[in-house]
Amino acid sequence: MSWAVEEWKEGLSPRVLQKIHELESQVDKLKKERQQRQFQLESIEAALQKQKQKVENEKNEAATLKRENQSLMELCDSLEKAKQKISHDLQVKESQVNIQSGQLNSSKKDIERLEQEVKR
């Protein structure tokens, strides 16, 4: 400290000077502690902002995945309905084939019978 700053202390008793020195030391210590806490606070605030951004990103990703899941569920439903329709169509066609096969067999028997009659 410069001489002018120390001038106000002239003429004070050693005990008072000691107390002033202790108080100045305590002020310096508190200033340093305040700076450290301010730095910690800023670090914590930065970490908090980073976590908030991370949470927001996760929410957005979750919403995107939810929409995608809904879309896939709708697609699965659509495919299941198409599968059921195709399965039904296949059953109908198999039934028609069986009917026609029966008609064919019946016609073959009729033809054989008629051929036998013709031979006689």
C-alpha atoms as a PDB file:
ATOM      1  CA  MET A   1       0.000   0.000   0.000  1.00  0.00           C
ATOM      2  CA  SER A   2       1.171   3.439  -0.720  1.00  0.00           C
ATOM      3  CA  TRP A   3       2.151   5.905   1.937  1.00  0.00           C
ATOM      4  CA  ALA A   4      -0.988   8.067   1.408  1.00  0.00           C
ATOM      5  CA  VAL A   5      -3.277   5.106   1.969  1.00  0.00           C
ATOM      6  CA  GLU A   6      -1.462   4.245   5.196  1.00  0.00           C
ATOM      7  CA  GLU A   7      -1.477   7.873   6.427  1.00  0.00           C
ATOM      8  CA  TRP A   8      -4.792   7.594   8.253  1.00  0.00           C
ATOM      9  CA  LYS A   9      -3.275   4.914  10.473  1.00  0.00           C
ATOM     10  CA  GLU A  10      -0.625   7.225  11.927  1.00  0.00           C
ATOM     11  CA  GLY A  11      -0.837   7.743  15.608  1.00  0.00           C
ATOM     12  CA  LEU A  12      -2.951   4.674  16.277  1.00  0.00           C
ATOM     13  CA  SER A  13      -1.958   2.305  19.005  1.00  0.00           C
ATOM     14  CA  PRO A  14      -0.203  -0.954  18.095  1.00  0.00           C
ATOM     15  CA  ARG A  15      -3.205  -2.865  19.348  1.00  0.00           C
ATOM     16  CA  VAL A  16      -5.571  -0.965  17.030  1.00  0.00           C
ATOM     17  CA  LEU A  17      -3.103  -1.326  14.146  1.00  0.00           C
ATOM     18  CA  GLN A  18      -3.000  -5.069  14.788  1.00  0.00           C
ATOM     19  CA  LYS A  19      -6.795  -5.204  14.766  1.00  0.00           C
ATOM     20  CA  ILE A  20      -6.887  -3.165  11.507  1.00  0.00           C
ATOM     21  CA  HIS A  21      -4.352  -5.550   9.988  1.00  0.00           C
ATOM     22  CA  GLU A  22      -6.460  -8.536  11.071  1.00  0.00           C
ATOM     23  CA  LEU A  23      -9.575  -6.934   9.603  1.00  0.00           C
ATOM     24  CA  GLU A  24      -7.789  -6.113   6.326  1.00  0.00           C
ATOM     25  CA  SER A  25      -6.526  -9.693   6.145  1.00  0.00           C
ATOM     26  CA  GLN A  26     -10.015 -10.948   6.805  1.00  0.00           C
ATOM     27  CA  VAL A  27     -11.389  -8.633   4.072  1.00  0.00           C
ATOM     28  CA  ASP A  28      -8.777  -9.940   1.621  1.00  0.00           C
ATOM     29  CA  LYS A  29      -9.608 -13.511   2.583  1.00  0.00           C
ATOM     30  CA  LEU A  30     -13.339 -12.867   2.164  1.00  0.00           C
ATOM     31  CA  LYS A  31     -12.732 -11.222  -1.231  1.00  0.00           C
ATOM     32  CA  LYS A  32     -10.792 -14.289  -2.396  1.00  0.00           C
ATOM     33  CA  GLU A  33     -13.464 -16.591  -1.021  1.00  0.00           C
ATOM     34  CA  ARG A  34     -16.140 -14.521  -2.760  1.00  0.00           C
ATOM     35  CA  GLN A  35     -14.222 -14.761  -6.047  1.00  0.00           C
ATOM     36  CA  GLN A  36     -13.913 -18.526  -5.643  1.00  0.00           C
ATOM     37  CA  ARG A  37     -17.605 -18.868  -4.900  1.00  0.00           C
ATOM     38  CA  GLN A  38     -18.482 -16.616  -7.815  1.00  0.00           C
ATOM     39  CA  PHE A  39     -16.359 -18.829 -10.066  1.00  0.00           C
ATOM     40  CA  GLN A  40     -18.041 -21.950  -8.628  1.00  0.00           C
ATOM     41  CA  LEU A  41     -21.445 -20.369  -9.163  1.00  0.00           C
ATOM     42  CA  GLU A  42     -20.617 -19.544 -12.773  1.00  0.00           C
ATOM     43  CA  SER A  43     -19.303 -23.071 -13.317  1.00  0.00           C
ATOM     44  CA  ILE A  44     -22.437 -24.579 -11.793  1.00  0.00           C
ATOM     45  CA  GLU A  45     -24.663 -22.286 -13.870  1.00  0.00           C
ATOM     46  CA  ALA A  46     -22.796 -23.323 -17.021  1.00  0.00           C
ATOM     47  CA  ALA A  47     -23.179 -26.998 -16.081  1.00  0.00           C
ATOM     48  CA  LEU A  48     -26.869 -26.412 -15.377  1.00  0.00           C
ATOM     49  CA  GLN A  49     -27.368 -24.802 -18.788  1.00  0.00           C
ATOM     50  CA  LYS A  50     -25.562 -27.732 -20.394  1.00  0.00           C
ATOM     51  CA  GLN A  51     -27.820 -30.195 -18.547  1.00  0.00           C
ATOM     52  CA  LYS A  52     -30.938 -28.202 -19.499  1.00  0.00           C
ATOM     53  CA  GLN A  53     -29.865 -28.337 -23.147  1.00  0.00           C
ATOM     54  CA  LYS A  54     -29.211 -32.052 -22.822  1.00  0.00           C
ATOM     55  CA  VAL A  55     -32.668 -32.600 -21.301  1.00  0.00           C
ATOM     56  CA  GLU A  56     -34.263 -30.533 -24.075  1.00  0.00           C
ATOM     57  CA  ASN A  57     -32.412 -32.570 -26.707  1.00  0.00           C
ATOM     58  CA  GLU A  58     -33.547 -35.801 -25.030  1.00  0.00           C
ATOM     59  CA  LYS A  59     -37.154 -34.550 -24.978  1.00  0.00           C
ATOM     60  CA  ASN A  60     -36.958 -33.710 -28.668  1.00  0.00           C
ATOM     61  CA  GLU A  61     -35.456 -37.102 -29.458  1.00  0.00           C
ATOM     62  CA  ALA A  62     -38.139 -38.825 -27.368  1.00  0.00           C
ATOM     63  CA  ALA A  63     -40.864 -36.915 -29.219  1.00  0.00           C
ATOM     64  CA  THR A  64     -39.309 -37.865 -32.558  1.00  0.00           C
ATOM     65  CA  LEU A  65     -39.090 -41.510 -31.524  1.00  0.00           C
ATOM     66  CA  LYS A  66     -42.682 -41.416 -30.294  1.00  0.00           C
ATOM     67  CA  ARG A  67     -43.866 -40.063 -33.667  1.00  0.00           C
ATOM     68  CA  GLU A  68     -41.781 -42.658 -35.497  1.00  0.00           C
ATOM     69  CA  ASN A  69     -43.178 -45.404 -33.275  1.00  0.00           C
ATOM     70  CA  GLN A  70     -46.734 -44.229 -33.957  1.00  0.00           C
ATOM     71  CA  SER A  71     -46.026 -44.213 -37.684  1.00  0.00           C
ATOM     72  CA  LEU A  72     -44.576 -47.735 -37.507  1.00  0.00           C
ATOM     73  CA  MET A  73     -47.581 -48.952 -35.511  1.00  0.00           C
ATOM     74  CA  GLU A  74     -49.915 -47.532 -38.157  1.00  0.00           C
ATOM     75  CA  LEU A  75     -47.833 -49.193 -40.861  1.00  0.00           C
ATOM     76  CA  CYS A  76     -47.968 -52.518 -38.993  1.00  0.00           C
ATOM     77  CA  ASP A  77     -51.756 -52.213 -38.676  1.00  0.00           C
ATOM     78  CA  SER A  78     -52.018 -51.480 -42.384  1.00  0.00           C
ATOM     79  CA  LEU A  79     -49.801 -54.446 -43.240  1.00  0.00           C
ATOM     80  CA  GLU A  80     -51.779 -56.709 -40.928  1.00  0.00           C
ATOM     81  CA  LYS A  81     -55.032 -55.689 -42.651  1.00  0.00           C
ATOM     82  CA  ALA A  82     -53.443 -56.294 -46.061  1.00  0.00           C
ATOM     83  CA  LYS A  83     -52.216 -59.700 -44.868  1.00  0.00           C
ATOM     84  CA  GLN A  84     -55.696 -60.610 -43.646  1.00  0.00           C
ATOM     85  CA  LYS A  85     -57.221 -59.522 -46.963  1.00  0.00           C
ATOM     86  CA  ILE A  86     -54.674 -61.525 -48.957  1.00  0.00           C
ATOM     87  CA  SER A  87     -55.213 -64.533 -46.702  1.00  0.00           C
ATOM     88  CA  HIS A  88     -58.978 -64.273 -47.223  1.00  0.00           C
ATOM     89  CA  ASP A  89     -58.508 -63.904 -50.991  1.00  0.00           C
ATOM     90  CA  LEU A  90     -56.257 -66.970 -50.973  1.00  0.00           C
ATOM     91  CA  GLN A  91     -58.891 -69.003 -49.120  1.00  0.00           C
ATOM     92  CA  VAL A  92     -61.531 -67.905 -51.617  1.00  0.00           C
ATOM     93  CA  LYS A  93     -59.296 -68.862 -54.547  1.00  0.00           C
ATOM     94  CA  GLU A  94     -58.415 -72.215 -52.954  1.00  0.00           C
ATOM     95  CA  SER A  95     -62.114 -72.863 -52.496  1.00  0.00           C
ATOM     96  CA  GLN A  96     -62.740 -71.987 -56.156  1.00  0.00           C
ATOM     97  CA  VAL A  97     -59.885 -74.262 -57.238  1.00  0.00           C
ATOM     98  CA  ASN A  98     -61.347 -77.101 -55.154  1.00  0.00           C
ATOM     99  CA  ILE A  99     -64.787 -76.557 -56.699  1.00  0.00           C
ATOM    100  CA  GLN A 100     -63.332 -76.469 -60.207  1.00  0.00           C
ATOM    101  CA  SER A 101     -61.207 -79.520 -59.438  1.00  0.00           C
ATOM    102  CA  GLY A 102     -64.345 -81.345 -58.333  1.00  0.00           C
ATOM    103  CA  GLN A 103     -66.129 -80.213 -61.494  1.00  0.00           C
ATOM    104  CA  LEU A 104     -63.157 -81.395 -63.567  1.00  0.00           C
ATOM    105  CA  ASN A 105     -63.223 -84.813 -61.918  1.00  0.00           C
ATOM    106  CA  SER A 106     -66.950 -85.018 -62.449  1.00  0.00           C
ATOM    107  CA  SER A 107     -66.529 -84.034 -66.095  1.00  0.00           C
ATOM    108  CA  LYS A 108     -63.781 -86.644 -66.530  1.00  0.00           C
ATOM    109  CA  LYS A 109     -66.092 -89.299 -65.116  1.00  0.00           C
ATOM    110  CA  ASP A 110     -68.859 -88.126 -67.436  1.00  0.00           C
ATOM    111  CA  ILE A 111     -66.463 -88.279 -70.383  1.00  0.00           C
ATOM    112  CA  GLU A 112     -65.306 -91.771 -69.417  1.00  0.00           C
ATOM    113  CA  ARG A 113     -68.907 -92.891 -69.043  1.00  0.00           C
ATOM    114  CA  LEU A 114     -69.822 -91.377 -72.385  1.00  0.00           C
ATOM    115  CA  GLU A 115     -66.761 -92.984 -74.025  1.00  0.00           C
ATOM    116  CA  GLN A 116     -67.840 -96.319 -72.598  1.00  0.00           C
ATOM    117  CA  GLU A 117     -71.341 -95.825 -74.018  1.00  0.00           C
ATOM    118  CA  VAL A 118     -69.893 -94.864 -77.388  1.00  0.00           C
ATOM    119  CA  LYS A 119     -67.769 -98.024 -77.450  1.00  0.00           C
ATOM    120  CA  ARG A 120     -70.836-100.162 -76.837  1.00  0.00           C
END
